[in-house]
């Protein structure tokens, strides 16, 4: 294909940039998807389920509302996750001695075992690398990705800071 200098050449450069960006977006999406599948395959858990187990691994009775705040998920999502984890025998509910209306969650022995066999979350690696960036790099990256979310009409979507695709509550 023969290009004339000027408009055609500029158009090719712009299209190349667009394609490079789209490839990068697709690579990120695939990395998240593959990480999610690896977690489900090796531990039978979603990333949010693993985060709930990690929160409960401190071995102190914890209210569902505290977990919701810790993992940045809605109370309804945490309740659904805890229901599945309880059904699987990984978490148990216990009424508070001080106030019978209050329910605490505790990790079972099976929960500890499942947690110890789970691979690290993709976001743990991301967090370590992000923290190593210079302040200006963090700001540039954040503003660029926020602009990208806006361009994809995704800025209004409800999302937790969890690298996971699809339903946050299913496996187990």
Foldseek 3Di string as FASTA:
>chain_A
DDDDPDPRVVVVVVVVVVVVVVVVVVVLLVVLAVLQVLQCVFQQAGQLLLQLLVVQVVFDWAALVVSCVVQVHDSVLSVLQVVVCVVVVQKDWDADPVDRVTITIHGDPVVVVSNVRGDDAPVVVVVVVLVPDDPVVNVVVVVVVCVVCVVVVNNPPDDTPGSHDDDNRDTD
